[in-house]
Protein backbone atom coordinates (compact mmCIF):
# COMPACT_ATOMS: atom_id res chain seq x y z
CA UNK A 1 -10.68 -8.69 26.40
CA UNK A 2 -7.91 -6.07 26.24
CA UNK A 3 -8.53 -2.39 26.38
CA UNK A 4 -9.63 -0.60 23.26
CA UNK A 5 -6.33 1.31 23.31
CA UNK A 6 -4.29 -1.91 23.25
CA UNK A 7 -6.49 -3.30 20.47
CA UNK A 8 -5.99 -0.17 18.40
CA UNK A 9 -2.24 -0.36 19.04
CA UNK A 10 -2.21 -3.96 17.81
CA UNK A 11 -4.09 -3.03 14.65
CA UNK A 12 -1.79 -0.04 14.00
CA UNK A 13 1.31 -2.22 14.42
CA UNK A 14 -0.06 -4.82 12.02
CA UNK A 15 -0.98 -2.18 9.43
CA UNK A 16 2.47 -0.60 9.64
CA UNK A 17 3.98 -3.89 8.45
CA UNK A 18 1.90 -4.00 5.28
CA UNK A 19 3.39 -2.97 1.96
CA UNK A 20 1.71 -3.10 -1.43
CA UNK A 21 3.22 -2.53 -4.85
CA UNK A 22 1.33 -1.25 -7.85
CA UNK A 23 2.49 -0.80 -11.41
CA UNK A 24 1.59 0.97 -14.63
CA UNK A 25 2.60 0.71 -18.24
CA UNK A 26 3.34 -3.02 -18.05
CA UNK A 27 5.86 -2.41 -15.29
CA UNK A 28 7.42 0.78 -16.66
CA UNK A 29 6.65 2.41 -13.31
CA UNK A 30 6.15 0.75 -9.92
CA UNK A 31 5.11 2.30 -6.63
CA UNK A 32 5.18 0.80 -3.16
CA UNK A 33 3.02 2.15 -0.33
CA UNK A 34 2.68 1.19 3.31
CA UNK A 35 -0.44 0.09 5.13
CA UNK A 36 -0.55 3.65 6.41
CA UNK A 37 -0.79 4.80 2.76
CA UNK A 38 2.63 6.44 2.71
CA UNK A 39 4.63 6.16 -0.50
CA UNK A 40 7.73 4.12 0.31
CA UNK A 41 9.30 3.75 -3.11
CA UNK A 42 8.88 4.74 -6.76
CA UNK A 43 10.72 2.77 -9.45
CA UNK A 44 10.96 4.13 -12.98
CA UNK A 45 12.42 1.86 -15.65
CA UNK A 46 15.06 3.00 -18.09
CA UNK A 47 12.52 2.63 -20.90
CA UNK A 48 10.14 5.02 -19.13
CA UNK A 49 12.96 7.53 -18.60
CA UNK A 50 13.69 7.53 -22.33
CA UNK A 51 10.09 8.27 -23.34
CA UNK A 52 10.79 12.02 -23.40
CA UNK A 53 7.11 12.65 -22.66
CA UNK A 54 6.71 14.32 -19.27
CA UNK A 55 2.91 14.07 -19.27
CA UNK A 56 2.96 10.35 -20.08
CA UNK A 57 5.48 9.71 -17.30
CA UNK A 58 3.34 11.68 -14.84
CA UNK A 59 0.30 9.61 -15.81
CA UNK A 60 2.27 6.37 -15.32
CA UNK A 61 3.49 7.47 -11.87
CA UNK A 62 0.00 8.52 -10.82
CA UNK A 63 -1.48 5.25 -12.07
CA UNK A 64 1.17 3.15 -10.29
CA UNK A 65 0.61 5.01 -7.00
CA UNK A 66 -3.17 4.64 -7.31
CA UNK A 67 -2.77 0.93 -8.03
CA UNK A 68 -0.55 0.49 -4.97
CA UNK A 69 -2.97 2.45 -2.75
CA UNK A 70 -5.87 0.32 -3.96
CA UNK A 71 -3.96 -2.87 -3.14
CA UNK A 72 -2.85 -1.50 0.23
CA UNK A 73 -6.44 -0.58 1.07
CA UNK A 74 -7.61 -4.13 0.35
CA UNK A 75 -4.76 -5.60 2.39
CA UNK A 76 -5.36 -3.28 5.35
CA UNK A 77 -9.07 -4.05 5.38
CA UNK A 78 -8.35 -7.79 5.41
CA UNK A 79 -5.64 -7.46 8.07
CA UNK A 80 -7.92 -5.33 10.25
CA UNK A 81 -10.63 -8.00 10.04
CA UNK A 82 -8.13 -10.73 10.97
CA UNK A 83 -6.74 -8.79 13.94
CA UNK A 84 -10.23 -7.95 15.23
CA UNK A 85 -11.28 -11.59 14.93
CA UNK A 86 -8.19 -12.68 16.86
CA UNK A 87 -8.86 -10.10 19.55
CA UNK A 88 -12.48 -11.24 19.85
CA UNK A 89 -11.41 -14.89 20.17
CA UNK A 90 -8.96 -14.04 22.93
CA UNK A 91 -11.54 -11.95 24.75
């Protein structure tokens, strides 16, 4: 079995490769976050830009980011389990 440091490095590398995209308002706003929960991209449709309602746009952006974070969390939990299982099998 490898050292705990090398195992943690493997997990961190795997998580860094994860990206999850969330959306709000039937796709008016999309957000992509990494497995490290960093926002990578925000996409705002032309229709959302024409809404002329700052508060509504803020709510859509917040909802899209929260959706992406929720998806990224689920993906990182699953990937962490897979990596740990692989490490245990090799050990």
